[in-house]
Amino acid sequence: MNDAVLTINTPTNSGSILKLDLVNLKKASLVLRSVNHKLRQQILKLIDEHGKMTVTEIYVKLRLEQSVASQHLAILRKAGFVKTDRDGKFIYYSVNTNRLEELDKFVKDLIS
């Protein structure tokens, strides 16, 4: 048995088998969890209001430790919800609105 695939027999009238890729399911779960966090939502809103921001600007505005802001930005970046742009020694974060629109469409399709 492959632990990365969940195989489900569909009703006998169709005679087909449904295979769920559990690795991709876990990745999708992490993407959803990344944005379903109050602080990360605040970070996204703050960046959106300013267009682009450095980690320093973010942690000062939100009164966070630098390491906390960096950890949450890394999660958002890995999930694709923020983009980075380097300008010399500064890294600017901006909201990836295309990715958020994709998520919005996915969630609407999922719950409807």
PDB file of N, CA and C in Angstrom:
ATOM      1  N   MET A   1       0.835  -1.190   0.000  1.00  0.00           N
ATOM      2  CA  MET A   1       0.000   0.000   0.000  1.00  0.00           C
ATOM      3  C   MET A   1       0.876   1.249   0.000  1.00  0.00           C
ATOM      4  N   ASN A   2       0.567   2.185  -0.877  1.00  0.00           N
ATOM      5  CA  ASN A   2       1.308   3.436  -0.969  1.00  0.00           C
ATOM      6  C   ASN A   2       0.724   4.428   0.031  1.00  0.00           C
ATOM      7  N   ASP A   3       1.527   4.870   1.015  1.00  0.00           N
ATOM      8  CA  ASP A   3       1.048   5.798   2.036  1.00  0.00           C
ATOM      9  C   ASP A   3       0.789   7.193   1.493  1.00  0.00           C
ATOM     10  N   ALA A   4       1.269   7.487   0.297  1.00  0.00           N
ATOM     11  CA  ALA A   4       1.086   8.817  -0.274  1.00  0.00           C
ATOM     12  C   ALA A   4      -0.180   8.932  -1.102  1.00  0.00           C
ATOM     13  N   VAL A   5      -0.916   7.816  -1.230  1.00  0.00           N
ATOM     14  CA  VAL A   5      -2.139   7.819  -2.029  1.00  0.00           C
ATOM     15  C   VAL A   5      -3.249   7.150  -1.241  1.00  0.00           C
ATOM     16  N   LEU A   6      -4.394   7.806  -1.184  1.00  0.00           N
ATOM     17  CA  LEU A   6      -5.580   7.229  -0.575  1.00  0.00           C
ATOM     18  C   LEU A   6      -6.486   6.790  -1.709  1.00  0.00           C
ATOM     19  N   THR A   7      -6.757   5.492  -1.774  1.00  0.00           N
ATOM     20  CA  THR A   7      -7.584   4.939  -2.839  1.00  0.00           C
ATOM     21  C   THR A   7      -8.968   4.645  -2.294  1.00  0.00           C
ATOM     22  N   ILE A   8      -9.976   5.177  -2.981  1.00  0.00           N
ATOM     23  CA  ILE A   8     -11.368   5.018  -2.576  1.00  0.00           C
ATOM     24  C   ILE A   8     -12.150   4.438  -3.743  1.00  0.00           C
ATOM     25  N   ASN A   9     -12.907   3.400  -3.474  1.00  0.00           N
ATOM     26  CA  ASN A   9     -13.782   2.843  -4.501  1.00  0.00           C
ATOM     27  C   ASN A   9     -15.040   3.710  -4.578  1.00  0.00           C
ATOM     28  N   THR A  10     -15.352   4.161  -5.780  1.00  0.00           N
ATOM     29  CA  THR A  10     -16.568   4.952  -5.969  1.00  0.00           C
ATOM     30  C   THR A  10     -17.750   4.003  -6.078  1.00  0.00           C
ATOM     31  N   PRO A  11     -18.964   4.532  -6.053  1.00  0.00           N
ATOM     32  CA  PRO A  11     -20.140   3.651  -6.128  1.00  0.00           C
ATOM     33  C   PRO A  11     -20.037   2.659  -7.288  1.00  0.00           C
ATOM     34  N   THR A  12     -20.573   1.474  -7.068  1.00  0.00           N
ATOM     35  CA  THR A  12     -20.412   0.370  -8.017  1.00  0.00           C
ATOM     36  C   THR A  12     -20.964   0.667  -9.403  1.00  0.00           C
ATOM     37  N   ASN A  13     -21.941   1.573  -9.524  1.00  0.00           N
ATOM     38  CA  ASN A  13     -22.484   1.846 -10.856  1.00  0.00           C
ATOM     39  C   ASN A  13     -21.484   2.543 -11.767  1.00  0.00           C
ATOM     40  N   SER A  14     -20.524   3.273 -11.195  1.00  0.00           N
ATOM     41  CA  SER A  14     -19.506   3.909 -12.044  1.00  0.00           C
ATOM     42  C   SER A  14     -18.290   3.005 -12.221  1.00  0.00           C
ATOM     43  N   GLY A  15     -18.046   2.145 -11.234  1.00  0.00           N
ATOM     44  CA  GLY A  15     -16.956   1.193 -11.335  1.00  0.00           C
ATOM     45  C   GLY A  15     -15.570   1.806 -11.374  1.00  0.00           C
ATOM     46  N   SER A  16     -15.418   3.050 -10.924  1.00  0.00           N
ATOM     47  CA  SER A  16     -14.102   3.673 -10.983  1.00  0.00           C
ATOM     48  C   SER A  16     -13.494   3.786  -9.583  1.00  0.00           C
ATOM     49  N   ILE A  17     -12.229   4.127  -9.568  1.00  0.00           N
ATOM     50  CA  ILE A  17     -11.489   4.275  -8.318  1.00  0.00           C
ATOM     51  C   ILE A  17     -10.976   5.710  -8.245  1.00  0.00           C
ATOM     52  N   LEU A  18     -11.130   6.307  -7.082  1.00  0.00           N
ATOM     53  CA  LEU A  18     -10.631   7.659  -6.837  1.00  0.00           C
ATOM     54  C   LEU A  18      -9.336   7.550  -6.054  1.00  0.00           C
ATOM     55  N   LYS A  19      -8.289   8.215  -6.554  1.00  0.00           N
ATOM     56  CA  LYS A  19      -7.009   8.213  -5.855  1.00  0.00           C
ATOM     57  C   LYS A  19      -6.669   9.647  -5.447  1.00  0.00           C
ATOM     58  N   LEU A  20      -6.541   9.851  -4.147  1.00  0.00           N
ATOM     59  CA  LEU A  20      -6.173  11.167  -3.623  1.00  0.00           C
ATOM     60  C   LEU A  20      -4.685  11.186  -3.321  1.00  0.00           C
ATOM     61  N   ASP A  21      -3.991  12.158  -3.873  1.00  0.00           N
ATOM     62  CA  ASP A  21      -2.565  12.329  -3.617  1.00  0.00           C
ATOM     63  C   ASP A  21      -2.413  13.036  -2.274  1.00  0.00           C
ATOM     64  N   LEU A  22      -2.035  12.298  -1.244  1.00  0.00           N
ATOM     65  CA  LEU A  22      -1.964  12.846   0.104  1.00  0.00           C
ATOM     66  C   LEU A  22      -0.835  13.849   0.279  1.00  0.00           C
ATOM     67  N   VAL A  23       0.207  13.740  -0.501  1.00  0.00           N
ATOM     68  CA  VAL A  23       1.300  14.716  -0.433  1.00  0.00           C
ATOM     69  C   VAL A  23       0.792  16.082  -0.895  1.00  0.00           C
ATOM     70  N   ASN A  24       0.088  16.096  -2.030  1.00  0.00           N
ATOM     71  CA  ASN A  24      -0.465  17.360  -2.522  1.00  0.00           C
ATOM     72  C   ASN A  24      -1.566  17.883  -1.607  1.00  0.00           C
ATOM     73  N   LEU A  25      -2.334  16.986  -1.029  1.00  0.00           N
ATOM     74  CA  LEU A  25      -3.367  17.395  -0.089  1.00  0.00           C
ATOM     75  C   LEU A  25      -2.746  18.094   1.123  1.00  0.00           C
ATOM     76  N   LYS A  26      -1.635  17.549   1.608  1.00  0.00           N
ATOM     77  CA  LYS A  26      -0.944  18.169   2.746  1.00  0.00           C
ATOM     78  C   LYS A  26      -0.376  19.541   2.356  1.00  0.00           C
ATOM     79  N   LYS A  27       0.183  19.643   1.152  1.00  0.00           N
ATOM     80  CA  LYS A  27       0.699  20.934   0.679  1.00  0.00           C
ATOM     81  C   LYS A  27      -0.419  21.964   0.589  1.00  0.00           C
ATOM     82  N   ALA A  28      -1.585  21.546   0.071  1.00  0.00           N
ATOM     83  CA  ALA A  28      -2.728  22.454  -0.038  1.00  0.00           C
ATOM     84  C   ALA A  28      -3.186  22.903   1.347  1.00  0.00           C
ATOM     85  N   SER A  29      -3.161  21.992   2.290  1.00  0.00           N
ATOM     86  CA  SER A  29      -3.538  22.316   3.659  1.00  0.00           C
ATOM     87  C   SER A  29      -2.607  23.377   4.246  1.00  0.00           C
ATOM     88  N   LEU A  30      -1.313  23.233   3.981  1.00  0.00           N
ATOM     89  CA  LEU A  30      -0.339  24.213   4.488  1.00  0.00           C
ATOM     90  C   LEU A  30      -0.556  25.589   3.862  1.00  0.00           C
ATOM     91  N   VAL A  31      -0.929  25.616   2.583  1.00  0.00           N
ATOM     92  CA  VAL A  31      -1.218  26.896   1.919  1.00  0.00           C
ATOM     93  C   VAL A  31      -2.411  27.565   2.590  1.00  0.00           C
ATOM     94  N   LEU A  32      -3.471  26.795   2.825  1.00  0.00           N
ATOM     95  CA  LEU A  32      -4.647  27.360   3.484  1.00  0.00           C
ATOM     96  C   LEU A  32      -4.323  27.816   4.907  1.00  0.00           C
ATOM     97  N   ARG A  33      -3.564  27.005   5.631  1.00  0.00           N
ATOM     98  CA  ARG A  33      -3.200  27.370   7.001  1.00  0.00           C
ATOM     99  C   ARG A  33      -2.331  28.628   7.046  1.00  0.00           C
ATOM    100  N   SER A  34      -1.527  28.834   6.009  1.00  0.00           N
ATOM    101  CA  SER A  34      -0.632  29.987   6.020  1.00  0.00           C
ATOM    102  C   SER A  34      -1.389  31.308   6.051  1.00  0.00           C
ATOM    103  N   VAL A  35      -2.522  31.350   5.411  1.00  0.00           N
ATOM    104  CA  VAL A  35      -3.290  32.595   5.373  1.00  0.00           C
ATOM    105  C   VAL A  35      -4.386  32.615   6.447  1.00  0.00           C
ATOM    106  N   ASN A  36      -4.655  31.482   7.064  1.00  0.00           N
ATOM    107  CA  ASN A  36      -5.663  31.399   8.113  1.00  0.00           C
ATOM    108  C   ASN A  36      -5.012  31.615   9.478  1.00  0.00           C
ATOM    109  N   HIS A  37      -4.363  32.749   9.624  1.00  0.00           N
ATOM    110  CA  HIS A  37      -3.657  33.099  10.861  1.00  0.00           C
ATOM    111  C   HIS A  37      -3.779  34.605  11.025  1.00  0.00           C
ATOM    112  N   LYS A  38      -4.249  35.035  12.187  1.00  0.00           N
ATOM    113  CA  LYS A  38      -4.560  36.453  12.419  1.00  0.00           C
ATOM    114  C   LYS A  38      -3.361  37.370  12.154  1.00  0.00           C
ATOM    115  N   LEU A  39      -2.199  37.029  12.665  1.00  0.00           N
ATOM    116  CA  LEU A  39      -1.030  37.884  12.472  1.00  0.00           C
ATOM    117  C   LEU A  39      -0.625  37.944  10.998  1.00  0.00           C
ATOM    118  N   ARG A  40      -0.660  36.810  10.313  1.00  0.00           N
ATOM    119  CA  ARG A  40      -0.296  36.819   8.894  1.00  0.00           C
ATOM    120  C   ARG A  40      -1.314  37.619   8.083  1.00  0.00           C
ATOM    121  N   GLN A  41      -2.572  37.577   8.495  1.00  0.00           N
ATOM    122  CA  GLN A  41      -3.587  38.412   7.840  1.00  0.00           C
ATOM    123  C   GLN A  41      -3.281  39.890   8.065  1.00  0.00           C
ATOM    124  N   GLN A  42      -2.854  40.237   9.265  1.00  0.00           N
ATOM    125  CA  GLN A  42      -2.472  41.628   9.563  1.00  0.00           C
ATOM    126  C   GLN A  42      -1.274  42.051   8.719  1.00  0.00           C
ATOM    127  N   ILE A  43      -0.310  41.155   8.583  1.00  0.00           N
ATOM    128  CA  ILE A  43       0.880  41.453   7.780  1.00  0.00           C
ATOM    129  C   ILE A  43       0.482  41.690   6.328  1.00  0.00           C
ATOM    130  N   LEU A  44      -0.367  40.819   5.778  1.00  0.00           N
ATOM    131  CA  LEU A  44      -0.821  41.000   4.389  1.00  0.00           C
ATOM    132  C   LEU A  44      -1.546  42.327   4.212  1.00  0.00           C
ATOM    133  N   LYS A  45      -2.424  42.659   5.157  1.00  0.00           N
ATOM    134  CA  LYS A  45      -3.175  43.920   5.073  1.00  0.00           C
ATOM    135  C   LYS A  45      -2.229  45.119   5.132  1.00  0.00           C
ATOM    136  N   LEU A  46      -1.274  45.078   6.045  1.00  0.00           N
ATOM    137  CA  LEU A  46      -0.309  46.167   6.199  1.00  0.00           C
ATOM    138  C   LEU A  46       0.512  46.360   4.922  1.00  0.00           C
ATOM    139  N   ILE A  47       1.018  45.265   4.378  1.00  0.00           N
ATOM    140  CA  ILE A  47       1.809  45.365   3.144  1.00  0.00           C
ATOM    141  C   ILE A  47       0.943  45.911   2.018  1.00  0.00           C
ATOM    142  N   ASP A  48      -0.292  45.423   1.926  1.00  0.00           N
ATOM    143  CA  ASP A  48      -1.197  45.893   0.877  1.00  0.00           C
ATOM    144  C   ASP A  48      -1.442  47.397   0.990  1.00  0.00           C
ATOM    145  N   GLU A  49      -1.615  47.881   2.206  1.00  0.00           N
ATOM    146  CA  GLU A  49      -1.863  49.314   2.419  1.00  0.00           C
ATOM    147  C   GLU A  49      -0.671  50.170   1.999  1.00  0.00           C
ATOM    148  N   HIS A  50       0.539  49.621   2.130  1.00  0.00           N
ATOM    149  CA  HIS A  50       1.748  50.386   1.818  1.00  0.00           C
ATOM    150  C   HIS A  50       2.335  50.053   0.442  1.00  0.00           C
ATOM    151  N   GLY A  51       1.834  49.028  -0.200  1.00  0.00           N
ATOM    152  CA  GLY A  51       2.356  48.646  -1.512  1.00  0.00           C
ATOM    153  C   GLY A  51       3.528  47.693  -1.423  1.00  0.00           C
ATOM    154  N   LYS A  52       4.550  48.114  -0.706  1.00  0.00           N
ATOM    155  CA  LYS A  52       5.700  47.249  -0.439  1.00  0.00           C
ATOM    156  C   LYS A  52       6.363  47.717   0.843  1.00  0.00           C
ATOM    157  N   MET A  53       6.964  46.767   1.565  1.00  0.00           N
ATOM    158  CA  MET A  53       7.581  47.082   2.855  1.00  0.00           C
ATOM    159  C   MET A  53       8.755  46.157   3.118  1.00  0.00           C
ATOM    160  N   THR A  54       9.684  46.634   3.919  1.00  0.00           N
ATOM    161  CA  THR A  54      10.784  45.791   4.386  1.00  0.00           C
ATOM    162  C   THR A  54      10.344  45.099   5.677  1.00  0.00           C
ATOM    163  N   VAL A  55      11.068  44.069   6.055  1.00  0.00           N
ATOM    164  CA  VAL A  55      10.749  43.376   7.302  1.00  0.00           C
ATOM    165  C   VAL A  55      10.869  44.332   8.488  1.00  0.00           C
ATOM    166  N   THR A  56      11.812  45.252   8.435  1.00  0.00           N
ATOM    167  CA  THR A  56      11.981  46.224   9.521  1.00  0.00           C
ATOM    168  C   THR A  56      10.747  47.094   9.655  1.00  0.00           C
ATOM    169  N   GLU A  57      10.247  47.606   8.535  1.00  0.00           N
ATOM    170  CA  GLU A  57       9.039  48.436   8.575  1.00  0.00           C
ATOM    171  C   GLU A  57       7.856  47.647   9.133  1.00  0.00           C
ATOM    172  N   ILE A  58       7.777  46.385   8.771  1.00  0.00           N
ATOM    173  CA  ILE A  58       6.661  45.541   9.221  1.00  0.00           C
ATOM    174  C   ILE A  58       6.730  45.303  10.722  1.00  0.00           C
ATOM    175  N   TYR A  59       7.895  44.894  11.220  1.00  0.00           N
ATOM    176  CA  TYR A  59       7.939  44.573  12.650  1.00  0.00           C
ATOM    177  C   TYR A  59       7.835  45.821  13.514  1.00  0.00           C
ATOM    178  N   VAL A  60       8.292  46.970  13.027  1.00  0.00           N
ATOM    179  CA  VAL A  60       8.130  48.202  13.795  1.00  0.00           C
ATOM    180  C   VAL A  60       6.653  48.589  13.861  1.00  0.00           C
ATOM    181  N   LYS A  61       5.971  48.567  12.716  1.00  0.00           N
ATOM    182  CA  LYS A  61       4.549  48.947  12.665  1.00  0.00           C
ATOM    183  C   LYS A  61       3.679  48.022  13.511  1.00  0.00           C
ATOM    184  N   LEU A  62       3.978  46.732  13.498  1.00  0.00           N
ATOM    185  CA  LEU A  62       3.155  45.769  14.225  1.00  0.00           C
ATOM    186  C   LEU A  62       3.667  45.478  15.629  1.00  0.00           C
ATOM    187  N   ARG A  63       4.776  46.123  16.005  1.00  0.00           N
ATOM    188  CA  ARG A  63       5.374  45.956  17.337  1.00  0.00           C
ATOM    189  C   ARG A  63       5.677  44.488  17.637  1.00  0.00           C
ATOM    190  N   LEU A  64       6.419  43.893  16.707  1.00  0.00           N
ATOM    191  CA  LEU A  64       6.809  42.492  16.831  1.00  0.00           C
ATOM    192  C   LEU A  64       8.315  42.391  16.994  1.00  0.00           C
ATOM    193  N   GLU A  65       8.759  41.231  17.412  1.00  0.00           N
ATOM    194  CA  GLU A  65      10.179  40.922  17.347  1.00  0.00           C
ATOM    195  C   GLU A  65      10.518  40.681  15.878  1.00  0.00           C
ATOM    196  N   GLN A  66      11.731  41.038  15.487  1.00  0.00           N
ATOM    197  CA  GLN A  66      12.150  40.858  14.098  1.00  0.00           C
ATOM    198  C   GLN A  66      12.040  39.401  13.680  1.00  0.00           C
ATOM    199  N   SER A  67      12.437  38.496  14.556  1.00  0.00           N
ATOM    200  CA  SER A  67      12.405  37.074  14.211  1.00  0.00           C
ATOM    201  C   SER A  67      10.978  36.577  13.972  1.00  0.00           C
ATOM    202  N   VAL A  68      10.033  37.091  14.731  1.00  0.00           N
ATOM    203  CA  VAL A  68       8.624  36.698  14.560  1.00  0.00           C
ATOM    204  C   VAL A  68       8.117  37.162  13.202  1.00  0.00           C
ATOM    205  N   ALA A  69       8.384  38.416  12.872  1.00  0.00           N
ATOM    206  CA  ALA A  69       7.955  38.944  11.573  1.00  0.00           C
ATOM    207  C   ALA A  69       8.598  38.149  10.439  1.00  0.00           C
ATOM    208  N   SER A  70       9.872  37.856  10.564  1.00  0.00           N
ATOM    209  CA  SER A  70      10.581  37.106   9.521  1.00  0.00           C
ATOM    210  C   SER A  70      10.014  35.696   9.349  1.00  0.00           C
ATOM    211  N   GLN A  71       9.697  35.043  10.453  1.00  0.00           N
ATOM    212  CA  GLN A  71       9.137  33.690  10.376  1.00  0.00           C
ATOM    213  C   GLN A  71       7.790  33.697   9.656  1.00  0.00           C
ATOM    214  N   HIS A  72       6.942  34.653   9.982  1.00  0.00           N
ATOM    215  CA  HIS A  72       5.627  34.721   9.350  1.00  0.00           C
ATOM    216  C   HIS A  72       5.733  35.121   7.877  1.00  0.00           C
ATOM    217  N   LEU A  73       6.653  36.008   7.562  1.00  0.00           N
ATOM    218  CA  LEU A  73       6.874  36.371   6.163  1.00  0.00           C
ATOM    219  C   LEU A  73       7.384  35.177   5.361  1.00  0.00           C
ATOM    220  N   ALA A  74       8.221  34.364   5.975  1.00  0.00           N
ATOM    221  CA  ALA A  74       8.729  33.170   5.291  1.00  0.00           C
ATOM    222  C   ALA A  74       7.591  32.203   4.966  1.00  0.00           C
ATOM    223  N   ILE A  75       6.657  32.055   5.888  1.00  0.00           N
ATOM    224  CA  ILE A  75       5.499  31.186   5.644  1.00  0.00           C
ATOM    225  C   ILE A  75       4.658  31.738   4.503  1.00  0.00           C
ATOM    226  N   LEU A  76       4.404  33.040   4.514  1.00  0.00           N
ATOM    227  CA  LEU A  76       3.620  33.667   3.449  1.00  0.00           C
ATOM    228  C   LEU A  76       4.339  33.589   2.106  1.00  0.00           C
ATOM    229  N   ARG A  77       5.650  33.738   2.134  1.00  0.00           N
ATOM    230  CA  ARG A  77       6.430  33.661   0.893  1.00  0.00           C
ATOM    231  C   ARG A  77       6.415  32.242   0.336  1.00  0.00           C
ATOM    232  N   LYS A  78       6.596  31.260   1.204  1.00  0.00           N
ATOM    233  CA  LYS A  78       6.600  29.870   0.762  1.00  0.00           C
ATOM    234  C   LYS A  78       5.253  29.477   0.149  1.00  0.00           C
ATOM    235  N   ALA A  79       4.171  30.020   0.687  1.00  0.00           N
ATOM    236  CA  ALA A  79       2.826  29.744   0.168  1.00  0.00           C
ATOM    237  C   ALA A  79       2.507  30.591  -1.064  1.00  0.00           C
ATOM    238  N   GLY A  80       3.372  31.549  -1.369  1.00  0.00           N
ATOM    239  CA  GLY A  80       3.194  32.363  -2.572  1.00  0.00           C
ATOM    240  C   GLY A  80       2.337  33.598  -2.396  1.00  0.00           C
ATOM    241  N   PHE A  81       2.008  33.968  -1.156  1.00  0.00           N
ATOM    242  CA  PHE A  81       1.134  35.114  -0.925  1.00  0.00           C
ATOM    243  C   PHE A  81       1.866  36.445  -0.861  1.00  0.00           C
ATOM    244  N   VAL A  82       3.178  36.404  -0.679  1.00  0.00           N
ATOM    245  CA  VAL A  82       3.978  37.625  -0.794  1.00  0.00           C
ATOM    246  C   VAL A  82       5.124  37.377  -1.765  1.00  0.00           C
ATOM    247  N   LYS A  83       5.503  38.441  -2.441  1.00  0.00           N
ATOM    248  CA  LYS A  83       6.640  38.408  -3.367  1.00  0.00           C
ATOM    249  C   LYS A  83       7.747  39.258  -2.758  1.00  0.00           C
ATOM    250  N   THR A  84       8.973  38.975  -3.162  1.00  0.00           N
ATOM    251  CA  THR A  84      10.098  39.771  -2.685  1.00  0.00           C
ATOM    252  C   THR A  84      10.795  40.434  -3.860  1.00  0.00           C
ATOM    253  N   ASP A  85      11.367  41.592  -3.568  1.00  0.00           N
ATOM    254  CA  ASP A  85      12.125  42.341  -4.559  1.00  0.00           C
ATOM    255  C   ASP A  85      13.318  42.955  -3.841  1.00  0.00           C
ATOM    256  N   ARG A  86      14.509  42.624  -4.299  1.00  0.00           N
ATOM    257  CA  ARG A  86      15.725  43.137  -3.663  1.00  0.00           C
ATOM    258  C   ARG A  86      16.133  44.462  -4.303  1.00  0.00           C
ATOM    259  N   ASP A  87      16.443  45.426  -3.440  1.00  0.00           N
ATOM    260  CA  ASP A  87      16.968  46.722  -3.880  1.00  0.00           C
ATOM    261  C   ASP A  87      18.193  47.005  -3.020  1.00  0.00           C
ATOM    262  N   GLY A  88      19.368  46.659  -3.536  1.00  0.00           N
ATOM    263  CA  GLY A  88      20.591  46.786  -2.746  1.00  0.00           C
ATOM    264  C   GLY A  88      20.553  45.818  -1.587  1.00  0.00           C
ATOM    265  N   LYS A  89      20.702  46.349  -0.377  1.00  0.00           N
ATOM    266  CA  LYS A  89      20.680  45.477   0.797  1.00  0.00           C
ATOM    267  C   LYS A  89      19.277  45.278   1.360  1.00  0.00           C
ATOM    268  N   PHE A  90      18.289  45.934   0.757  1.00  0.00           N
ATOM    269  CA  PHE A  90      16.915  45.837   1.256  1.00  0.00           C
ATOM    270  C   PHE A  90      16.099  44.829   0.453  1.00  0.00           C
ATOM    271  N   ILE A  91      15.263  44.079   1.171  1.00  0.00           N
ATOM    272  CA  ILE A  91      14.306  43.181   0.523  1.00  0.00           C
ATOM    273  C   ILE A  91      12.918  43.735   0.814  1.00  0.00           C
ATOM    274  N   TYR A  92      12.197  44.031  -0.243  1.00  0.00           N
ATOM    275  CA  TYR A  92      10.844  44.560  -0.115  1.00  0.00           C
ATOM    276  C   TYR A  92       9.831  43.451  -0.357  1.00  0.00           C
ATOM    277  N   TYR A  93       8.831  43.415   0.494  1.00  0.00           N
ATOM    278  CA  TYR A  93       7.747  42.445   0.374  1.00  0.00           C
ATOM    279  C   TYR A  93       6.532  43.144  -0.206  1.00  0.00           C
ATOM    280  N   SER A  94       5.854  42.472  -1.122  1.00  0.00           N
ATOM    281  CA  SER A  94       4.595  42.959  -1.669  1.00  0.00           C
ATOM    282  C   SER A  94       3.611  41.802  -1.729  1.00  0.00           C
ATOM    283  N   VAL A  95       2.331  42.136  -1.766  1.00  0.00           N
ATOM    284  CA  VAL A  95       1.288  41.109  -1.791  1.00  0.00           C
ATOM    285  C   VAL A  95       1.151  40.560  -3.208  1.00  0.00           C
ATOM    286  N   ASN A  96       1.092  39.257  -3.309  1.00  0.00           N
ATOM    287  CA  ASN A  96       0.860  38.589  -4.590  1.00  0.00           C
ATOM    288  C   ASN A  96      -0.652  38.454  -4.754  1.00  0.00           C
ATOM    289  N   THR A  97      -1.277  39.478  -5.331  1.00  0.00           N
ATOM    290  CA  THR A  97      -2.733  39.501  -5.446  1.00  0.00           C
ATOM    291  C   THR A  97      -3.250  38.393  -6.359  1.00  0.00           C
ATOM    292  N   ASN A  98      -2.468  38.013  -7.359  1.00  0.00           N
ATOM    293  CA  ASN A  98      -2.897  36.912  -8.228  1.00  0.00           C
ATOM    294  C   ASN A  98      -3.075  35.625  -7.427  1.00  0.00           C
ATOM    295  N   ARG A  99      -2.141  35.364  -6.541  1.00  0.00           N
ATOM    296  CA  ARG A  99      -2.209  34.155  -5.723  1.00  0.00           C
ATOM    297  C   ARG A  99      -3.417  34.205  -4.783  1.00  0.00           C
ATOM    298  N   LEU A 100      -3.692  35.381  -4.206  1.00  0.00           N
ATOM    299  CA  LEU A 100      -4.846  35.514  -3.322  1.00  0.00           C
ATOM    300  C   LEU A 100      -6.152  35.359  -4.103  1.00  0.00           C
ATOM    301  N   GLU A 101      -6.182  35.854  -5.331  1.00  0.00           N
ATOM    302  CA  GLU A 101      -7.368  35.668  -6.172  1.00  0.00           C
ATOM    303  C   GLU A 101      -7.571  34.185  -6.483  1.00  0.00           C
ATOM    304  N   GLU A 102      -6.486  33.457  -6.754  1.00  0.00           N
ATOM    305  CA  GLU A 102      -6.575  32.013  -6.988  1.00  0.00           C
ATOM    306  C   GLU A 102      -7.137  31.311  -5.751  1.00  0.00           C
ATOM    307  N   LEU A 103      -6.648  31.708  -4.578  1.00  0.00           N
ATOM    308  CA  LEU A 103      -7.123  31.108  -3.336  1.00  0.00           C
ATOM    309  C   LEU A 103      -8.603  31.411  -3.133  1.00  0.00           C
ATOM    310  N   ASP A 104      -9.008  32.645  -3.383  1.00  0.00           N
ATOM    311  CA  ASP A 104     -10.401  33.035  -3.225  1.00  0.00           C
ATOM    312  C   ASP A 104     -11.307  32.198  -4.120  1.00  0.00           C
ATOM    313  N   LYS A 105     -10.901  32.015  -5.363  1.00  0.00           N
ATOM    314  CA  LYS A 105     -11.686  31.200  -6.298  1.00  0.00           C
ATOM    315  C   LYS A 105     -11.743  29.748  -5.823  1.00  0.00           C
ATOM    316  N   PHE A 106     -10.621  29.211  -5.390  1.00  0.00           N
ATOM    317  CA  PHE A 106     -10.579  27.835  -4.897  1.00  0.00           C
ATOM    318  C   PHE A 106     -11.523  27.639  -3.717  1.00  0.00           C
ATOM    319  N   VAL A 107     -11.467  28.555  -2.761  1.00  0.00           N
ATOM    320  CA  VAL A 107     -12.299  28.427  -1.575  1.00  0.00           C
ATOM    321  C   VAL A 107     -13.783  28.538  -1.948  1.00  0.00           C
ATOM    322  N   LYS A 108     -14.114  29.454  -2.829  1.00  0.00           N
ATOM    323  CA  LYS A 108     -15.522  29.584  -3.255  1.00  0.00           C
ATOM    324  C   LYS A 108     -15.993  28.310  -3.939  1.00  0.00           C
ATOM    325  N   ASP A 109     -15.141  27.729  -4.785  1.00  0.00           N
ATOM    326  CA  ASP A 109     -15.493  26.469  -5.460  1.00  0.00           C
ATOM    327  C   ASP A 109     -15.629  25.330  -4.442  1.00  0.00           C
ATOM    328  N   LEU A 110     -14.771  25.336  -3.431  1.00  0.00           N
ATOM    329  CA  LEU A 110     -14.767  24.271  -2.444  1.00  0.00           C
ATOM    330  C   LEU A 110     -16.031  24.285  -1.586  1.00  0.00           C
ATOM    331  N   ILE A 111     -16.489  25.460  -1.209  1.00  0.00           N
ATOM    332  CA  ILE A 111     -17.627  25.535  -0.293  1.00  0.00           C
ATOM    333  C   ILE A 111     -18.969  25.595  -1.010  1.00  0.00           C
ATOM    334  N   SER A 112     -18.969  25.762  -2.312  1.00  0.00           N
ATOM    335  CA  SER A 112     -20.258  25.836  -3.024  1.00  0.00           C
ATOM    336  C   SER A 112     -20.715  24.493  -3.539  1.00  0.00           C
TER     337      SER A 112
END
